[in-house]
Amino acid sequence: PTREIRGSVTGIERVDDITFASLNVGSNDAISPNTKLVLFRNGDQFVGTATIMSVDETVSVAKIDSAKTAVVVGDNAMTGINY
């Protein structure tokens, strides 16, 4: 994406050893598969990183790539940060 996109985690699901997060942003927000996200809490607490796997108009699902702490519903997600 050419602009910063912000969303939040609306759900968490574990499948085997992989954690997926549902997000409240989708293609209407210019999110597309393979978009990299940084996850954070309380404005500035780094939680981890994720990659968008699937996208609908208003929601998307991301695979958690790495996490310093467990990703939870309500965590924030943002594009545009290099990591």
N, C-alpha and C. Protein backbone atom coordinates (compact mmCIF):
# COMPACT_ATOMS: atom_id res chain seq x y z
N PRO A 1 0.83 -1.20 0.00
CA PRO A 1 0.00 0.00 0.00
C PRO A 1 0.87 1.26 0.00
N THR A 2 0.37 2.27 -0.62
CA THR A 2 1.13 3.51 -0.71
C THR A 2 0.83 4.42 0.48
N ARG A 3 -0.22 4.13 1.21
CA ARG A 3 -0.52 4.94 2.38
C ARG A 3 -0.58 4.04 3.61
N GLU A 4 -0.44 4.66 4.76
CA GLU A 4 -0.50 3.90 6.01
C GLU A 4 -1.93 3.41 6.23
N ILE A 5 -2.06 2.15 6.56
CA ILE A 5 -3.37 1.56 6.84
C ILE A 5 -3.36 1.07 8.27
N ARG A 6 -4.40 1.43 9.02
CA ARG A 6 -4.51 1.00 10.41
C ARG A 6 -5.79 0.21 10.60
N GLY A 7 -5.68 -0.86 11.38
CA GLY A 7 -6.84 -1.66 11.71
C GLY A 7 -6.65 -2.27 13.08
N SER A 8 -7.55 -3.17 13.43
CA SER A 8 -7.38 -3.85 14.71
C SER A 8 -7.77 -5.32 14.59
N VAL A 9 -7.23 -6.10 15.52
CA VAL A 9 -7.49 -7.53 15.56
C VAL A 9 -8.88 -7.76 16.12
N THR A 10 -9.69 -8.52 15.37
CA THR A 10 -11.06 -8.81 15.81
C THR A 10 -11.25 -10.26 16.21
N GLY A 11 -10.26 -11.10 15.92
CA GLY A 11 -10.36 -12.50 16.30
C GLY A 11 -9.02 -13.19 16.15
N ILE A 12 -8.84 -14.27 16.89
CA ILE A 12 -7.61 -15.07 16.85
C ILE A 12 -8.00 -16.53 16.68
N GLU A 13 -7.27 -17.23 15.81
CA GLU A 13 -7.51 -18.67 15.66
C GLU A 13 -6.18 -19.36 15.46
N ARG A 14 -5.99 -20.46 16.17
CA ARG A 14 -4.77 -21.27 16.01
C ARG A 14 -5.12 -22.52 15.22
N VAL A 15 -4.30 -22.81 14.22
CA VAL A 15 -4.43 -24.03 13.44
C VAL A 15 -3.06 -24.70 13.49
N ASP A 16 -3.00 -25.85 14.14
CA ASP A 16 -1.72 -26.51 14.40
C ASP A 16 -0.80 -25.52 15.12
N ASP A 17 0.36 -25.21 14.54
CA ASP A 17 1.29 -24.29 15.19
C ASP A 17 1.23 -22.88 14.61
N ILE A 18 0.21 -22.60 13.81
CA ILE A 18 0.10 -21.30 13.14
C ILE A 18 -1.03 -20.50 13.78
N THR A 19 -0.77 -19.24 14.05
CA THR A 19 -1.81 -18.36 14.59
C THR A 19 -2.25 -17.39 13.51
N PHE A 20 -3.56 -17.27 13.36
CA PHE A 20 -4.15 -16.35 12.40
C PHE A 20 -4.94 -15.29 13.16
N ALA A 21 -4.92 -14.07 12.62
CA ALA A 21 -5.68 -12.97 13.22
C ALA A 21 -6.66 -12.43 12.18
N SER A 22 -7.91 -12.27 12.58
CA SER A 22 -8.89 -11.57 11.75
C SER A 22 -8.73 -10.09 12.01
N LEU A 23 -8.81 -9.29 10.95
CA LEU A 23 -8.64 -7.84 11.07
C LEU A 23 -9.85 -7.12 10.48
N ASN A 24 -10.10 -5.92 10.97
CA ASN A 24 -11.26 -5.16 10.52
C ASN A 24 -10.92 -4.23 9.35
N VAL A 25 -9.96 -4.61 8.53
CA VAL A 25 -9.63 -3.88 7.30
C VAL A 25 -9.61 -4.86 6.14
N GLY A 26 -9.97 -4.38 4.96
CA GLY A 26 -10.02 -5.26 3.80
C GLY A 26 -9.69 -4.52 2.52
N SER A 27 -10.17 -5.06 1.41
CA SER A 27 -9.84 -4.47 0.11
C SER A 27 -10.36 -3.04 -0.02
N ASN A 28 -11.46 -2.71 0.66
CA ASN A 28 -11.96 -1.33 0.64
C ASN A 28 -10.95 -0.37 1.26
N ASP A 29 -10.04 -0.91 2.09
CA ASP A 29 -9.01 -0.09 2.75
C ASP A 29 -7.66 -0.21 2.04
N ALA A 30 -7.64 -0.84 0.87
CA ALA A 30 -6.43 -1.03 0.06
C ALA A 30 -5.49 -2.09 0.63
N ILE A 31 -6.01 -2.98 1.48
CA ILE A 31 -5.23 -4.12 1.96
C ILE A 31 -5.29 -5.21 0.90
N SER A 32 -4.16 -5.88 0.67
CA SER A 32 -4.12 -6.97 -0.30
C SER A 32 -3.26 -8.10 0.26
N PRO A 33 -3.40 -9.31 -0.28
CA PRO A 33 -2.58 -10.42 0.20
C PRO A 33 -1.10 -10.08 0.12
N ASN A 34 -0.36 -10.61 1.08
CA ASN A 34 1.09 -10.42 1.23
C ASN A 34 1.48 -9.07 1.81
N THR A 35 0.49 -8.25 2.17
CA THR A 35 0.80 -6.99 2.86
C THR A 35 1.37 -7.31 4.23
N LYS A 36 2.47 -6.66 4.59
CA LYS A 36 3.11 -6.85 5.89
C LYS A 36 2.53 -5.86 6.89
N LEU A 37 2.30 -6.34 8.11
CA LEU A 37 1.74 -5.50 9.17
C LEU A 37 2.61 -5.59 10.42
N VAL A 38 2.59 -4.51 11.18
CA VAL A 38 3.19 -4.51 12.51
C VAL A 38 2.03 -4.47 13.49
N LEU A 39 2.10 -5.32 14.51
CA LEU A 39 1.06 -5.39 15.53
C LEU A 39 1.56 -4.71 16.80
N PHE A 40 0.70 -3.91 17.42
CA PHE A 40 1.09 -3.22 18.63
C PHE A 40 -0.10 -3.03 19.55
N ARG A 41 0.19 -2.66 20.78
CA ARG A 41 -0.83 -2.53 21.83
C ARG A 41 -0.59 -1.23 22.57
N ASN A 42 -1.67 -0.63 23.03
CA ASN A 42 -1.58 0.60 23.85
C ASN A 42 -0.77 1.69 23.16
N GLY A 43 -0.91 1.79 21.86
CA GLY A 43 -0.27 2.87 21.13
C GLY A 43 1.16 2.61 20.69
N ASP A 44 1.98 2.00 21.56
CA ASP A 44 3.38 1.87 21.17
C ASP A 44 4.06 0.59 21.63
N GLN A 45 3.36 -0.32 22.27
CA GLN A 45 3.98 -1.57 22.72
C GLN A 45 4.01 -2.57 21.56
N PHE A 46 5.20 -2.85 21.05
CA PHE A 46 5.36 -3.79 19.93
C PHE A 46 4.90 -5.18 20.36
N VAL A 47 4.04 -5.78 19.55
CA VAL A 47 3.54 -7.13 19.84
C VAL A 47 4.14 -8.14 18.86
N GLY A 48 4.16 -7.79 17.56
CA GLY A 48 4.69 -8.73 16.59
C GLY A 48 4.47 -8.27 15.17
N THR A 49 4.61 -9.23 14.23
CA THR A 49 4.43 -8.93 12.82
C THR A 49 3.51 -9.97 12.20
N ALA A 50 2.87 -9.59 11.09
CA ALA A 50 1.93 -10.48 10.43
C ALA A 50 1.94 -10.20 8.93
N THR A 51 1.45 -11.17 8.17
CA THR A 51 1.31 -11.03 6.73
C THR A 51 -0.12 -11.38 6.35
N ILE A 52 -0.74 -10.52 5.56
CA ILE A 52 -2.12 -10.75 5.11
C ILE A 52 -2.15 -11.97 4.19
N MET A 53 -3.07 -12.90 4.48
CA MET A 53 -3.21 -14.12 3.68
C MET A 53 -4.43 -14.06 2.76
N SER A 54 -5.56 -13.55 3.28
CA SER A 54 -6.78 -13.47 2.48
C SER A 54 -7.52 -12.19 2.82
N VAL A 55 -8.26 -11.69 1.81
CA VAL A 55 -8.89 -10.38 1.95
C VAL A 55 -10.32 -10.44 1.41
N ASP A 56 -11.24 -9.82 2.14
CA ASP A 56 -12.60 -9.57 1.68
C ASP A 56 -12.74 -8.05 1.61
N GLU A 57 -13.91 -7.55 1.29
CA GLU A 57 -14.06 -6.10 1.16
C GLU A 57 -13.78 -5.35 2.46
N THR A 58 -14.23 -5.92 3.59
CA THR A 58 -14.13 -5.18 4.85
C THR A 58 -13.34 -5.91 5.93
N VAL A 59 -12.91 -7.14 5.65
CA VAL A 59 -12.14 -7.90 6.64
C VAL A 59 -11.00 -8.63 5.95
N SER A 60 -10.01 -9.03 6.74
CA SER A 60 -8.90 -9.80 6.20
C SER A 60 -8.40 -10.75 7.27
N VAL A 61 -7.60 -11.72 6.83
CA VAL A 61 -6.99 -12.68 7.74
C VAL A 61 -5.49 -12.62 7.53
N ALA A 62 -4.77 -12.49 8.63
CA ALA A 62 -3.31 -12.42 8.58
C ALA A 62 -2.71 -13.57 9.36
N LYS A 63 -1.59 -14.08 8.88
CA LYS A 63 -0.80 -15.08 9.59
C LYS A 63 0.19 -14.34 10.47
N ILE A 64 0.24 -14.71 11.74
CA ILE A 64 1.20 -14.09 12.65
C ILE A 64 2.58 -14.66 12.33
N ASP A 65 3.50 -13.79 11.92
CA ASP A 65 4.85 -14.22 11.56
C ASP A 65 5.74 -14.34 12.79
N SER A 66 5.64 -13.38 13.68
CA SER A 66 6.43 -13.40 14.91
C SER A 66 5.66 -12.62 15.97
N ALA A 67 5.86 -12.99 17.22
CA ALA A 67 5.17 -12.29 18.30
C ALA A 67 6.05 -12.29 19.55
N LYS A 68 6.20 -11.12 20.14
CA LYS A 68 6.93 -10.98 21.40
C LYS A 68 6.07 -11.47 22.55
N THR A 69 4.77 -11.31 22.40
CA THR A 69 3.79 -11.72 23.39
C THR A 69 2.56 -12.17 22.62
N ALA A 70 1.64 -12.83 23.27
CA ALA A 70 0.46 -13.34 22.57
C ALA A 70 -0.34 -12.20 21.96
N VAL A 71 -0.73 -12.37 20.69
CA VAL A 71 -1.60 -11.40 20.02
C VAL A 71 -3.00 -11.62 20.55
N VAL A 72 -3.69 -10.52 20.89
CA VAL A 72 -5.04 -10.62 21.45
C VAL A 72 -6.00 -9.72 20.69
N VAL A 73 -7.29 -10.03 20.81
CA VAL A 73 -8.33 -9.18 20.22
C VAL A 73 -8.17 -7.77 20.77
N GLY A 74 -8.21 -6.79 19.89
CA GLY A 74 -8.05 -5.40 20.29
C GLY A 74 -6.67 -4.84 20.00
N ASP A 75 -5.69 -5.72 19.72
CA ASP A 75 -4.38 -5.22 19.32
C ASP A 75 -4.52 -4.46 18.01
N ASN A 76 -3.65 -3.50 17.79
CA ASN A 76 -3.68 -2.69 16.58
C ASN A 76 -2.73 -3.25 15.53
N ALA A 77 -3.07 -3.01 14.27
CA ALA A 77 -2.24 -3.44 13.15
C ALA A 77 -2.01 -2.24 12.24
N MET A 78 -0.79 -2.12 11.71
CA MET A 78 -0.47 -0.98 10.87
C MET A 78 0.53 -1.36 9.79
N THR A 79 0.31 -0.82 8.59
CA THR A 79 1.27 -0.98 7.51
C THR A 79 2.24 0.20 7.54
N GLY A 80 3.23 0.14 6.69
CA GLY A 80 4.08 1.29 6.47
C GLY A 80 5.27 1.40 7.40
N ILE A 81 5.50 0.39 8.24
CA ILE A 81 6.66 0.40 9.12
C ILE A 81 7.61 -0.70 8.64
N ASN A 82 8.85 -0.36 8.44
CA ASN A 82 9.83 -1.37 8.05
C ASN A 82 10.28 -2.13 9.28
N TYR A 83 10.38 -3.45 9.14
CA TYR A 83 10.84 -4.26 10.27
C TYR A 83 11.67 -5.41 9.77
